[in-house]
PDB file of N, CA and C in Angstrom:
ATOM      1  N   MET A   1      14.043   2.004   1.500  1.00  0.00           N
ATOM      2  CA  MET A   1      13.049   0.880   1.386  1.00  0.00           C
ATOM      3  C   MET A   1      11.934   1.280   0.356  1.00  0.00           C
ATOM      4  N   ALA A   2      11.467   0.159  -0.370  1.00  0.00           N
ATOM      5  CA  ALA A   2      10.630   0.409  -1.401  1.00  0.00           C
ATOM      6  C   ALA A   2       9.264   0.691  -0.885  1.00  0.00           C
ATOM      7  N   ARG A   3       8.472   1.539  -1.511  1.00  0.00           N
ATOM      8  CA  ARG A   3       7.108   1.844  -1.160  1.00  0.00           C
ATOM      9  C   ARG A   3       6.279   0.576  -1.708  1.00  0.00           C
ATOM     10  N   ARG A   4       6.044  -0.342  -0.824  1.00  0.00           N
ATOM     11  CA  ARG A   4       5.519  -1.541  -1.195  1.00  0.00           C
ATOM     12  C   ARG A   4       4.667  -2.118  -0.065  1.00  0.00           C
ATOM     13  N   ASP A   5       3.432  -2.668  -0.405  1.00  0.00           N
ATOM     14  CA  ASP A   5       2.574  -3.338   0.493  1.00  0.00           C
ATOM     15  C   ASP A   5       3.159  -4.542   1.097  1.00  0.00           C
ATOM     16  N   ASP A   6       3.360  -4.717   2.461  1.00  0.00           N
ATOM     17  CA  ASP A   6       4.027  -5.964   2.853  1.00  0.00           C
ATOM     18  C   ASP A   6       3.271  -7.257   2.866  1.00  0.00           C
ATOM     19  N   LEU A   7       1.876  -7.138   2.683  1.00  0.00           N
ATOM     20  CA  LEU A   7       1.141  -8.282   2.623  1.00  0.00           C
ATOM     21  C   LEU A   7       0.772  -8.698   1.287  1.00  0.00           C
ATOM     22  N   THR A   8       0.311  -7.699   0.394  1.00  0.00           N
ATOM     23  CA  THR A   8      -0.010  -8.097  -0.978  1.00  0.00           C
ATOM     24  C   THR A   8       0.972  -7.837  -2.074  1.00  0.00           C
ATOM     25  N   GLY A   9       2.093  -7.086  -1.678  1.00  0.00           N
ATOM     26  CA  GLY A   9       3.263  -6.930  -2.678  1.00  0.00           C
ATOM     27  C   GLY A   9       2.979  -5.734  -3.630  1.00  0.00           C
ATOM     28  N   LYS A  10       1.725  -5.153  -3.506  1.00  0.00           N
ATOM     29  CA  LYS A  10       1.491  -3.962  -4.413  1.00  0.00           C
ATOM     30  C   LYS A  10       2.419  -2.821  -4.352  1.00  0.00           C
ATOM     31  N   SER A  11       2.812  -2.283  -5.439  1.00  0.00           N
ATOM     32  CA  SER A  11       3.776  -1.087  -5.520  1.00  0.00           C
ATOM     33  C   SER A  11       3.075   0.043  -6.260  1.00  0.00           C
ATOM     34  N   ALA A  12       3.906   1.158  -6.442  1.00  0.00           N
ATOM     35  CA  ALA A  12       3.378   2.197  -7.130  1.00  0.00           C
ATOM     36  C   ALA A  12       3.241   1.878  -8.613  1.00  0.00           C
ATOM     37  N   MET A  13       2.222   2.593  -9.163  1.00  0.00           N
ATOM     38  CA  MET A  13       2.083   2.442 -10.571  1.00  0.00           C
ATOM     39  C   MET A  13       2.681   3.696 -11.390  1.00  0.00           C
ATOM     40  N   SER A  14       3.060   3.524 -12.665  1.00  0.00           N
ATOM     41  CA  SER A  14       3.575   4.608 -13.355  1.00  0.00           C
ATOM     42  C   SER A  14       2.776   4.930 -14.559  1.00  0.00           C
ATOM     43  N   GLY A  15       2.968   6.058 -15.163  1.00  0.00           N
ATOM     44  CA  GLY A  15       2.222   6.454 -16.325  1.00  0.00           C
ATOM     45  C   GLY A  15       2.709   7.836 -16.754  1.00  0.00           C
ATOM     46  N   ASN A  16       1.724   8.518 -17.514  1.00  0.00           N
ATOM     47  CA  ASN A  16       2.125   9.856 -17.975  1.00  0.00           C
ATOM     48  C   ASN A  16       1.066  10.776 -17.674  1.00  0.00           C
ATOM     49  N   ASN A  17       1.625  12.125 -17.491  1.00  0.00           N
ATOM     50  CA  ASN A  17       0.734  13.284 -17.363  1.00  0.00           C
ATOM     51  C   ASN A  17       0.419  13.604 -18.792  1.00  0.00           C
ATOM     52  N   ARG A  18      -0.718  14.002 -19.217  1.00  0.00           N
ATOM     53  CA  ARG A  18      -1.054  14.493 -20.555  1.00  0.00           C
ATOM     54  C   ARG A  18      -1.557  15.867 -20.569  1.00  0.00           C
ATOM     55  N   SER A  19      -1.000  16.763 -21.258  1.00  0.00           N
ATOM     56  CA  SER A  19      -1.395  18.099 -21.384  1.00  0.00           C
ATOM     57  C   SER A  19      -2.494  18.095 -22.481  1.00  0.00           C
ATOM     58  N   HIS A  20      -3.091  19.350 -22.668  1.00  0.00           N
ATOM     59  CA  HIS A  20      -4.056  19.412 -23.705  1.00  0.00           C
ATOM     60  C   HIS A  20      -3.386  19.317 -25.117  1.00  0.00           C
ATOM     61  N   ALA A  21      -2.089  19.599 -25.218  1.00  0.00           N
ATOM     62  CA  ALA A  21      -1.395  19.406 -26.482  1.00  0.00           C
ATOM     63  C   ALA A  21      -0.837  17.971 -26.538  1.00  0.00           C
ATOM     64  N   LEU A  22      -1.163  17.064 -25.618  1.00  0.00           N
ATOM     65  CA  LEU A  22      -0.897  15.673 -25.643  1.00  0.00           C
ATOM     66  C   LEU A  22       0.619  15.499 -25.361  1.00  0.00           C
ATOM     67  N   ASN A  23       1.367  16.542 -24.625  1.00  0.00           N
ATOM     68  CA  ASN A  23       2.534  16.352 -24.296  1.00  0.00           C
ATOM     69  C   ASN A  23       2.646  15.334 -23.067  1.00  0.00           C
ATOM     70  N   ALA A  24       3.590  14.256 -23.102  1.00  0.00           N
ATOM     71  CA  ALA A  24       3.743  13.368 -22.092  1.00  0.00           C
ATOM     72  C   ALA A  24       4.832  13.583 -21.185  1.00  0.00           C
ATOM     73  N   THR A  25       4.696  13.521 -19.939  1.00  0.00           N
ATOM     74  CA  THR A  25       5.714  13.524 -18.899  1.00  0.00           C
ATOM     75  C   THR A  25       5.356  12.378 -17.889  1.00  0.00           C
ATOM     76  N   LYS A  26       6.555  11.731 -17.527  1.00  0.00           N
ATOM     77  CA  LYS A  26       6.282  10.686 -16.580  1.00  0.00           C
ATOM     78  C   LYS A  26       5.719  11.145 -15.162  1.00  0.00           C
ATOM     79  N   ARG A  27       4.917  10.237 -14.610  1.00  0.00           N
ATOM     80  CA  ARG A  27       4.385  10.529 -13.250  1.00  0.00           C
ATOM     81  C   ARG A  27       4.224   9.134 -12.557  1.00  0.00           C
ATOM     82  N   LYS A  28       3.908   9.297 -11.262  1.00  0.00           N
ATOM     83  CA  LYS A  28       3.820   7.868 -10.485  1.00  0.00           C
ATOM     84  C   LYS A  28       2.733   8.068  -9.482  1.00  0.00           C
ATOM     85  N   TRP A  29       1.881   7.018  -9.385  1.00  0.00           N
ATOM     86  CA  TRP A  29       0.764   6.868  -8.542  1.00  0.00           C
ATOM     87  C   TRP A  29       1.170   6.202  -7.303  1.00  0.00           C
ATOM     88  N   ASN A  30       1.460   6.845  -6.147  1.00  0.00           N
ATOM     89  CA  ASN A  30       1.964   6.022  -5.020  1.00  0.00           C
ATOM     90  C   ASN A  30       0.859   5.537  -4.173  1.00  0.00           C
ATOM     91  N   LEU A  31       1.132   4.466  -3.457  1.00  0.00           N
ATOM     92  CA  LEU A  31       0.179   3.723  -2.499  1.00  0.00           C
ATOM     93  C   LEU A  31      -0.081   4.661  -1.305  1.00  0.00           C
ATOM     94  N   ASN A  32      -1.260   4.476  -0.728  1.00  0.00           N
ATOM     95  CA  ASN A  32      -1.524   5.091   0.529  1.00  0.00           C
ATOM     96  C   ASN A  32      -1.219   4.146   1.631  1.00  0.00           C
ATOM     97  N   LEU A  33       0.093   4.131   2.053  1.00  0.00           N
ATOM     98  CA  LEU A  33       0.599   3.264   2.936  1.00  0.00           C
ATOM     99  C   LEU A  33       0.378   3.688   4.343  1.00  0.00           C
ATOM    100  N   GLN A  34       0.010   2.713   5.054  1.00  0.00           N
ATOM    101  CA  GLN A  34      -0.229   2.939   6.630  1.00  0.00           C
ATOM    102  C   GLN A  34       0.538   1.888   7.374  1.00  0.00           C
ATOM    103  N   LYS A  35       1.141   2.352   8.545  1.00  0.00           N
ATOM    104  CA  LYS A  35       1.779   1.425   9.397  1.00  0.00           C
ATOM    105  C   LYS A  35       0.856   0.844  10.427  1.00  0.00           C
ATOM    106  N   ILE A  36       0.811  -0.548  10.595  1.00  0.00           N
ATOM    107  CA  ILE A  36      -0.077  -1.073  11.471  1.00  0.00           C
ATOM    108  C   ILE A  36       0.788  -2.094  12.369  1.00  0.00           C
ATOM    109  N   LYS A  37       0.251  -2.399  13.533  1.00  0.00           N
ATOM    110  CA  LYS A  37       0.897  -3.324  14.260  1.00  0.00           C
ATOM    111  C   LYS A  37       0.110  -4.601  14.365  1.00  0.00           C
ATOM    112  N   VAL A  38       0.755  -5.821  14.112  1.00  0.00           N
ATOM    113  CA  VAL A  38       0.045  -7.043  14.101  1.00  0.00           C
ATOM    114  C   VAL A  38       0.712  -8.067  15.048  1.00  0.00           C
ATOM    115  N   VAL A  39       0.031  -9.036  15.507  1.00  0.00           N
ATOM    116  CA  VAL A  39       0.557  -9.925  16.380  1.00  0.00           C
ATOM    117  C   VAL A  39       0.687 -11.328  15.621  1.00  0.00           C
ATOM    118  N   ASP A  40       1.835 -11.935  15.565  1.00  0.00           N
ATOM    119  CA  ASP A  40       1.989 -13.268  14.827  1.00  0.00           C
ATOM    120  C   ASP A  40       1.637 -14.389  15.805  1.00  0.00           C
ATOM    121  N   GLU A  41       1.940 -15.638  15.240  1.00  0.00           N
ATOM    122  CA  GLU A  41       1.511 -16.795  15.962  1.00  0.00           C
ATOM    123  C   GLU A  41       2.248 -17.007  17.400  1.00  0.00           C
ATOM    124  N   THR A  42       3.436 -16.434  17.428  1.00  0.00           N
ATOM    125  CA  THR A  42       4.242 -16.677  18.597  1.00  0.00           C
ATOM    126  C   THR A  42       3.962 -15.552  19.651  1.00  0.00           C
ATOM    127  N   GLY A  43       3.115 -14.554  19.274  1.00  0.00           N
ATOM    128  CA  GLY A  43       2.819 -13.462  20.221  1.00  0.00           C
ATOM    129  C   GLY A  43       3.649 -12.270  20.090  1.00  0.00           C
ATOM    130  N   ARG A  44       4.486 -12.247  19.115  1.00  0.00           N
ATOM    131  CA  ARG A  44       5.462 -11.080  18.805  1.00  0.00           C
ATOM    132  C   ARG A  44       4.608 -10.067  18.145  1.00  0.00           C
ATOM    133  N   VAL A  45       4.782  -8.774  18.533  1.00  0.00           N
ATOM    134  CA  VAL A  45       4.163  -7.670  17.871  1.00  0.00           C
ATOM    135  C   VAL A  45       5.086  -7.026  16.794  1.00  0.00           C
ATOM    136  N   MET A  46       4.646  -7.065  15.480  1.00  0.00           N
ATOM    137  CA  MET A  46       5.366  -6.589  14.493  1.00  0.00           C
ATOM    138  C   MET A  46       4.626  -5.395  13.853  1.00  0.00           C
ATOM    139  N   THR A  47       5.472  -4.404  13.254  1.00  0.00           N
ATOM    140  CA  THR A  47       4.941  -3.181  12.574  1.00  0.00           C
ATOM    141  C   THR A  47       5.282  -3.579  11.036  1.00  0.00           C
ATOM    142  N   ILE A  48       4.041  -3.561  10.252  1.00  0.00           N
ATOM    143  CA  ILE A  48       4.112  -3.640   8.890  1.00  0.00           C
ATOM    144  C   ILE A  48       3.451  -2.505   8.200  1.00  0.00           C
ATOM    145  N   LYS A  49       3.780  -2.336   6.880  1.00  0.00           N
ATOM    146  CA  LYS A  49       3.238  -1.317   6.069  1.00  0.00           C
ATOM    147  C   LYS A  49       2.241  -2.042   5.165  1.00  0.00           C
ATOM    148  N   VAL A  50       1.009  -1.557   5.167  1.00  0.00           N
ATOM    149  CA  VAL A  50      -0.010  -2.079   4.271  1.00  0.00           C
ATOM    150  C   VAL A  50      -0.729  -0.823   3.615  1.00  0.00           C
ATOM    151  N   SER A  51      -1.368  -1.108   2.404  1.00  0.00           N
ATOM    152  CA  SER A  51      -2.072   0.062   1.794  1.00  0.00           C
ATOM    153  C   SER A  51      -3.463   0.173   2.450  1.00  0.00           C
ATOM    154  N   ALA A  52      -4.139   1.278   2.319  1.00  0.00           N
ATOM    155  CA  ALA A  52      -5.268   1.608   2.906  1.00  0.00           C
ATOM    156  C   ALA A  52      -6.312   0.630   2.486  1.00  0.00           C
ATOM    157  N   LYS A  53      -6.410   0.275   1.258  1.00  0.00           N
ATOM    158  CA  LYS A  53      -7.313  -0.761   0.794  1.00  0.00           C
ATOM    159  C   LYS A  53      -7.175  -2.180   1.378  1.00  0.00           C
ATOM    160  N   THR A  54      -5.929  -2.568   1.709  1.00  0.00           N
ATOM    161  CA  THR A  54      -5.542  -3.758   2.348  1.00  0.00           C
ATOM    162  C   THR A  54      -6.117  -3.656   3.866  1.00  0.00           C
ATOM    163  N   LEU A  55      -5.830  -2.540   4.411  1.00  0.00           N
ATOM    164  CA  LEU A  55      -6.311  -2.355   5.767  1.00  0.00           C
ATOM    165  C   LEU A  55      -7.920  -2.516   5.984  1.00  0.00           C
ATOM    166  N   LYS A  56      -8.419  -1.845   4.844  1.00  0.00           N
ATOM    167  CA  LYS A  56      -9.949  -1.919   5.017  1.00  0.00           C
ATOM    168  C   LYS A  56     -10.401  -3.410   4.720  1.00  0.00           C
ATOM    169  N   THR A  57      -9.868  -4.073   3.987  1.00  0.00           N
ATOM    170  CA  THR A  57     -10.099  -5.515   3.761  1.00  0.00           C
ATOM    171  C   THR A  57      -9.885  -6.364   5.058  1.00  0.00           C
ATOM    172  N   LEU A  58      -8.740  -6.147   5.690  1.00  0.00           N
ATOM    173  CA  LEU A  58      -8.439  -6.779   6.935  1.00  0.00           C
ATOM    174  C   LEU A  58      -9.572  -6.526   8.078  1.00  0.00           C
ATOM    175  N   LYS A  59      -9.906  -5.227   8.095  1.00  0.00           N
ATOM    176  CA  LYS A  59     -10.986  -4.905   9.145  1.00  0.00           C
ATOM    177  C   LYS A  59     -12.267  -5.508   8.726  1.00  0.00           C
ATOM    178  N   LYS A  60     -12.615  -5.437   7.509  1.00  0.00           N
ATOM    179  CA  LYS A  60     -13.883  -6.221   7.058  1.00  0.00           C
ATOM    180  C   LYS A  60     -13.946  -7.704   7.404  1.00  0.00           C
ATOM    181  N   ARG A  61     -12.933  -8.280   7.316  1.00  0.00           N
ATOM    182  CA  ARG A  61     -12.876  -9.770   7.502  1.00  0.00           C
ATOM    183  C   ARG A  61     -12.474 -10.044   8.853  1.00  0.00           C
ATOM    184  N   ASN A  62     -12.445  -9.127   9.843  1.00  0.00           N
ATOM    185  CA  ASN A  62     -12.001  -9.295  11.226  1.00  0.00           C
ATOM    186  C   ASN A  62     -10.703 -10.131  11.338  1.00  0.00           C
ATOM    187  N   GLN A  63      -9.674  -9.820  10.568  1.00  0.00           N
ATOM    188  CA  GLN A  63      -8.469 -10.428  10.661  1.00  0.00           C
ATOM    189  C   GLN A  63      -7.509  -9.442  11.376  1.00  0.00           C
ATOM    190  N   LEU A  64      -7.927  -8.457  11.935  1.00  0.00           N
ATOM    191  CA  LEU A  64      -7.112  -7.336  12.568  1.00  0.00           C
ATOM    192  C   LEU A  64      -7.557  -7.358  14.096  1.00  0.00           C
ATOM    193  N   VAL A  65      -6.605  -7.183  14.895  1.00  0.00           N
ATOM    194  CA  VAL A  65      -6.833  -7.020  16.377  1.00  0.00           C
ATOM    195  C   VAL A  65      -7.708  -5.852  16.639  1.00  0.00           C
TER     196      VAL A  65
END
């Protein structure tokens, strides 16, 4: 399964490591994914993966149980 935020769709970013000699090697910045349980409209409890930033926003807006 892909490392992707289930709510926002954000995924890992890619880029290069740069040495002092400016040699480039590929690297990846992964998301800080957290598993949380949410209740949908019908009352079912679902487990979704969201990034830590998305979780912080949900808590700030009181949209999390």
